[in-house]
Amino acid sequence: MPFHVRPLSIHCRQPLTHRTHVCFGISPFNSYFTTERITDLARWGLDEFGAMHFFVPDVPAAYTLEALGYPPERAAHKARRQGQYLRNKIARALSQLGVHHPDRLILGWSELDANRRYRRLLGEAQRLFDREPDFQAACLTASRWVLDKRLAAGAAPTDDQLRAAVRYFLAELPLFADTRSIVGTPSSVFCYHQCIPFLHQFYRGELPWRPIAGQGFAVLTPTPSPEEPRRPLTDGLLV
């Protein structure tokens, strides 16, 4: 399946042009990521880039569930199960495309928690969240979007819910800032099918933190067939 690729800012064009590495964000509990879709992404990545990874925020997904009222143990269990389900789908898709050792192309919590660069970036994101009011407000707004779509109609997330859910977003930020150093490649493009205002600000250098040079972001959407009209893109998050 062909894809339409839209770099998020002028600074994202060079990593996309180089096609050195792509990282696909794969969201837990998101029906968009069918087996067929994941296979199409893997095929496209293999054809278009020198290397690729799939990012699965498995363990951090528990933070969103906790914000929605799940007890911590149940939230962690549910997130782990969903994460393993996604890992299995990705591994099968890669194996069918002839990739040996497909698990090596998956970035979940077990891989990232052991990655020194990721841990350093996560600590930096947390410090900025704690100390920079503008950055904190932008992160909480991003998390509000997630909760607004999951709460009952008319309900607004409380401050406690936002602060529980924002831990998920903070866990994603290192991949937006510097996937290239996390995986050890000269440049990288993070691809997802939606985008939120935070990321526009982030990649335009409008926030106290910004991505490293050589790190890009692109909105990646399936190209509709001639019979299928293009649907408007809805701003989103890895949810």
Protein backbone atom coordinates (compact mmCIF):
# COMPACT_ATOMS: atom_id res chain seq x y z
CA MET A 1 0.00 0.00 0.00
CA PRO A 2 1.42 3.43 -0.92
CA PHE A 3 1.62 6.10 1.76
CA HIS A 4 1.36 9.87 1.78
CA VAL A 5 4.25 11.37 3.78
CA ARG A 6 4.13 14.89 5.21
CA PRO A 7 7.20 16.18 7.10
CA LEU A 8 6.13 18.25 10.07
CA SER A 9 8.51 21.17 9.57
CA ILE A 10 11.29 22.32 7.30
CA HIS A 11 13.78 20.80 9.75
CA CYS A 12 12.14 17.40 9.25
CA ARG A 13 12.72 17.34 5.51
CA GLN A 14 16.42 16.47 5.56
CA PRO A 15 16.10 13.28 7.67
CA LEU A 16 13.22 12.23 5.45
CA THR A 17 15.26 12.87 2.31
CA HIS A 18 18.22 10.87 3.64
CA ARG A 19 15.98 7.85 4.37
CA THR A 20 18.54 6.46 6.80
CA HIS A 21 16.15 5.25 9.49
CA VAL A 22 12.43 5.29 10.24
CA CYS A 23 10.67 4.63 13.53
CA PHE A 24 6.97 3.79 13.43
CA GLY A 25 4.88 4.60 16.49
CA ILE A 26 2.43 1.76 17.23
CA SER A 27 -0.20 2.66 19.82
CA PRO A 28 -1.66 0.23 22.36
CA PHE A 29 -5.45 -0.09 22.30
CA ASN A 30 -5.71 1.57 18.87
CA SER A 31 -7.78 -0.20 16.24
CA TYR A 32 -5.96 1.66 13.46
CA PHE A 33 -3.04 -0.75 13.79
CA THR A 34 -4.46 -3.88 12.23
CA THR A 35 -2.23 -6.76 11.20
CA GLU A 36 -2.57 -5.63 7.58
CA ARG A 37 -1.63 -2.04 8.46
CA ILE A 38 1.44 -3.11 10.40
CA THR A 39 2.52 -5.35 7.51
CA ASP A 40 2.10 -2.45 5.08
CA LEU A 41 4.18 -0.19 7.31
CA ALA A 42 6.91 -2.81 7.62
CA ARG A 43 7.00 -3.37 3.87
CA TRP A 44 7.17 0.36 3.20
CA GLY A 45 9.92 0.82 5.77
CA LEU A 46 12.01 -1.99 4.32
CA ASP A 47 11.59 -0.66 0.79
CA GLU A 48 12.19 3.02 1.53
CA PHE A 49 14.72 3.21 4.40
CA GLY A 50 18.09 1.80 5.26
CA ALA A 51 16.87 0.68 8.70
CA MET A 52 13.72 0.80 10.80
CA HIS A 53 12.22 0.18 14.22
CA PHE A 54 8.73 -0.06 15.68
CA PHE A 55 8.09 1.83 18.92
CA VAL A 56 5.53 0.23 21.24
CA PRO A 57 4.88 2.25 24.45
CA ASP A 58 3.70 -0.86 26.27
CA VAL A 59 4.46 -0.35 29.96
CA PRO A 60 3.78 3.43 29.91
CA ALA A 61 0.27 2.73 28.57
CA ALA A 62 -0.60 1.79 32.15
CA TYR A 63 -0.41 5.48 33.10
CA THR A 64 -3.34 6.31 30.82
CA LEU A 65 -5.34 3.43 32.25
CA GLU A 66 -4.61 4.59 35.80
CA ALA A 67 -5.82 8.08 34.87
CA LEU A 68 -9.06 6.49 33.68
CA GLY A 69 -9.59 4.80 37.04
CA TYR A 70 -7.92 1.41 36.74
CA PRO A 71 -6.11 0.24 39.89
CA PRO A 72 -2.33 0.32 39.28
CA GLU A 73 -1.87 -3.47 39.28
CA ARG A 74 -4.73 -4.05 36.86
CA ALA A 75 -3.55 -1.19 34.64
CA ALA A 76 -0.04 -2.62 34.52
CA HIS A 77 -1.33 -6.10 33.70
CA LYS A 78 -3.62 -4.82 30.95
CA ALA A 79 -0.84 -2.70 29.43
CA ARG A 80 1.63 -5.60 29.45
CA ARG A 81 -0.86 -7.92 27.74
CA GLN A 82 -1.65 -5.37 25.06
CA GLY A 83 2.04 -4.65 24.57
CA GLN A 84 2.84 -8.33 24.07
CA TYR A 85 -0.06 -8.66 21.65
CA LEU A 86 1.33 -5.80 19.56
CA ARG A 87 4.88 -7.15 19.71
CA ASN A 88 3.65 -10.49 18.42
CA LYS A 89 1.78 -8.83 15.54
CA ILE A 90 4.84 -6.81 14.56
CA ALA A 91 7.16 -9.81 14.80
CA ARG A 92 4.86 -11.91 12.61
CA ALA A 93 4.62 -9.17 10.00
CA LEU A 94 8.39 -8.77 9.88
CA SER A 95 8.97 -12.52 9.72
CA GLN A 96 6.57 -12.83 6.79
CA LEU A 97 8.61 -10.18 4.98
CA GLY A 98 11.80 -12.16 5.48
CA VAL A 99 13.25 -10.28 8.46
CA HIS A 100 15.42 -12.46 10.69
CA HIS A 101 15.34 -11.73 14.44
CA PRO A 102 12.33 -9.37 14.18
CA ASP A 103 12.36 -8.66 17.93
CA ARG A 104 15.52 -6.62 17.38
CA LEU A 105 13.44 -4.08 15.45
CA ILE A 106 10.95 -3.48 18.27
CA LEU A 107 11.48 -0.76 20.88
CA GLY A 108 9.37 -1.48 23.94
CA TRP A 109 9.97 -0.63 27.57
CA SER A 110 12.33 -3.54 28.15
CA GLU A 111 14.63 -2.20 25.41
CA LEU A 112 14.30 1.49 26.22
CA ASP A 113 14.65 1.21 29.98
CA ALA A 114 18.06 -0.40 29.39
CA ASN A 115 19.12 2.29 26.89
CA ARG A 116 21.35 4.93 28.47
CA ARG A 117 20.48 7.66 25.97
CA TYR A 118 16.76 7.07 26.39
CA ARG A 119 17.03 7.24 30.17
CA ARG A 120 18.96 10.49 29.96
CA LEU A 121 16.39 12.03 27.63
CA LEU A 122 13.51 10.87 29.82
CA GLY A 123 15.16 12.51 32.82
CA GLU A 124 15.58 15.73 30.86
CA ALA A 125 11.91 15.72 29.82
CA GLN A 126 10.83 15.16 33.43
CA ARG A 127 13.04 17.99 34.72
CA LEU A 128 11.64 20.39 32.14
CA PHE A 129 8.11 19.35 33.04
CA ASP A 130 8.83 20.01 36.71
CA ARG A 131 10.61 23.36 36.21
CA GLU A 132 9.25 25.02 33.05
CA PRO A 133 5.60 26.13 33.34
CA ASP A 134 5.15 26.58 29.57
CA PHE A 135 6.53 23.14 28.82
CA GLN A 136 4.41 21.60 31.56
CA ALA A 137 1.27 23.26 30.23
CA ALA A 138 1.97 22.03 26.69
CA CYS A 139 2.47 18.45 27.91
CA LEU A 140 -0.71 18.51 30.00
CA THR A 141 -2.67 19.85 27.03
CA ALA A 142 -1.41 16.93 24.94
CA SER A 143 -2.54 14.49 27.62
CA ARG A 144 -5.91 16.22 27.90
CA TRP A 145 -6.59 15.30 24.27
CA VAL A 146 -6.10 11.62 25.11
CA LEU A 147 -8.40 11.67 28.11
CA ASP A 148 -11.08 13.78 26.44
CA LYS A 149 -11.55 11.01 23.87
CA ARG A 150 -11.90 8.33 26.54
CA LEU A 151 -14.01 9.97 29.20
CA ALA A 152 -17.79 10.09 29.12
CA ALA A 153 -19.33 12.75 26.91
CA GLY A 154 -19.20 16.12 28.62
CA ALA A 155 -16.74 14.99 31.32
CA ALA A 156 -13.50 16.91 31.75
CA PRO A 157 -10.30 15.35 33.14
CA THR A 158 -9.27 16.47 36.59
CA ASP A 159 -5.81 17.79 37.37
CA ASP A 160 -4.95 14.48 39.06
CA GLN A 161 -6.01 12.57 35.96
CA LEU A 162 -3.91 14.79 33.71
CA ARG A 163 -0.86 14.39 35.91
CA ALA A 164 -1.29 10.62 35.92
CA ALA A 165 -1.74 10.45 32.15
CA VAL A 166 1.11 12.83 31.29
CA ARG A 167 3.65 10.21 32.36
CA TYR A 168 2.73 8.31 29.21
CA PHE A 169 3.43 11.34 27.05
CA LEU A 170 6.73 12.05 28.81
CA ALA A 171 7.80 8.46 28.14
CA GLU A 172 7.25 9.06 24.41
CA LEU A 173 9.09 12.36 24.19
CA PRO A 174 12.64 10.90 24.01
CA LEU A 175 11.69 9.17 20.74
CA PHE A 176 10.44 12.46 19.31
CA ALA A 177 13.59 14.25 20.46
CA ASP A 178 16.37 11.85 19.50
CA THR A 179 15.49 8.40 18.17
CA ARG A 180 18.66 8.60 16.08
CA SER A 181 20.94 8.48 19.15
CA ILE A 182 18.78 5.90 20.92
CA VAL A 183 19.21 3.43 18.04
CA GLY A 184 22.64 4.67 16.88
CA THR A 185 21.97 6.06 13.42
CA PRO A 186 23.01 9.36 11.76
CA SER A 187 19.42 10.51 11.24
CA SER A 188 15.90 9.26 11.84
CA VAL A 189 12.28 10.06 11.03
CA PHE A 190 9.51 9.22 13.49
CA CYS A 191 6.32 8.36 11.60
CA TYR A 192 2.76 8.33 12.87
CA HIS A 193 -0.61 8.78 11.20
CA GLN A 194 -1.68 11.77 13.31
CA CYS A 195 -0.18 14.85 14.91
CA ILE A 196 -1.00 17.17 17.79
CA PRO A 197 -0.22 20.89 18.25
CA PHE A 198 2.55 20.07 20.77
CA LEU A 199 4.57 18.34 18.05
CA HIS A 200 4.19 21.25 15.65
CA GLN A 201 5.58 23.53 18.36
CA PHE A 202 8.28 21.03 19.27
CA TYR A 203 9.66 20.56 15.76
CA ARG A 204 9.45 24.28 15.01
CA GLY A 205 11.62 25.05 18.03
CA GLU A 206 8.88 26.92 19.89
CA LEU A 207 9.23 25.05 23.21
CA PRO A 208 11.98 25.01 25.87
CA TRP A 209 13.02 21.57 24.53
CA ARG A 210 13.59 20.73 20.88
CA PRO A 211 14.65 17.71 18.81
CA ILE A 212 18.30 17.14 18.04
CA ALA A 213 19.56 17.93 14.53
CA GLY A 214 18.88 14.97 12.24
CA GLN A 215 15.68 13.97 14.04
CA GLY A 216 12.47 14.43 12.08
CA PHE A 217 8.79 13.66 12.27
CA ALA A 218 6.41 12.87 9.43
CA VAL A 219 2.68 12.28 9.31
CA LEU A 220 2.22 9.02 7.40
CA THR A 221 -1.21 8.17 6.02
CA PRO A 222 -2.38 5.56 3.51
CA THR A 223 -2.91 6.92 0.02
CA PRO A 224 -6.58 6.37 -0.83
CA SER A 225 -7.51 4.50 -3.98
CA PRO A 226 -9.03 6.56 -6.83
CA GLU A 227 -12.49 5.36 -5.75
CA GLU A 228 -11.93 6.35 -2.12
CA PRO A 229 -12.02 10.06 -1.21
CA ARG A 230 -9.24 11.30 1.06
CA ARG A 231 -10.44 11.69 4.62
CA PRO A 232 -9.44 14.76 6.61
CA LEU A 233 -6.57 14.15 9.01
CA THR A 234 -7.55 14.34 12.67
CA ASP A 235 -4.97 15.60 15.12
CA GLY A 236 -4.02 12.84 17.49
CA LEU A 237 -1.48 11.29 19.81
CA LEU A 238 -0.03 7.84 20.19
CA VAL A 239 -3.13 6.42 21.84
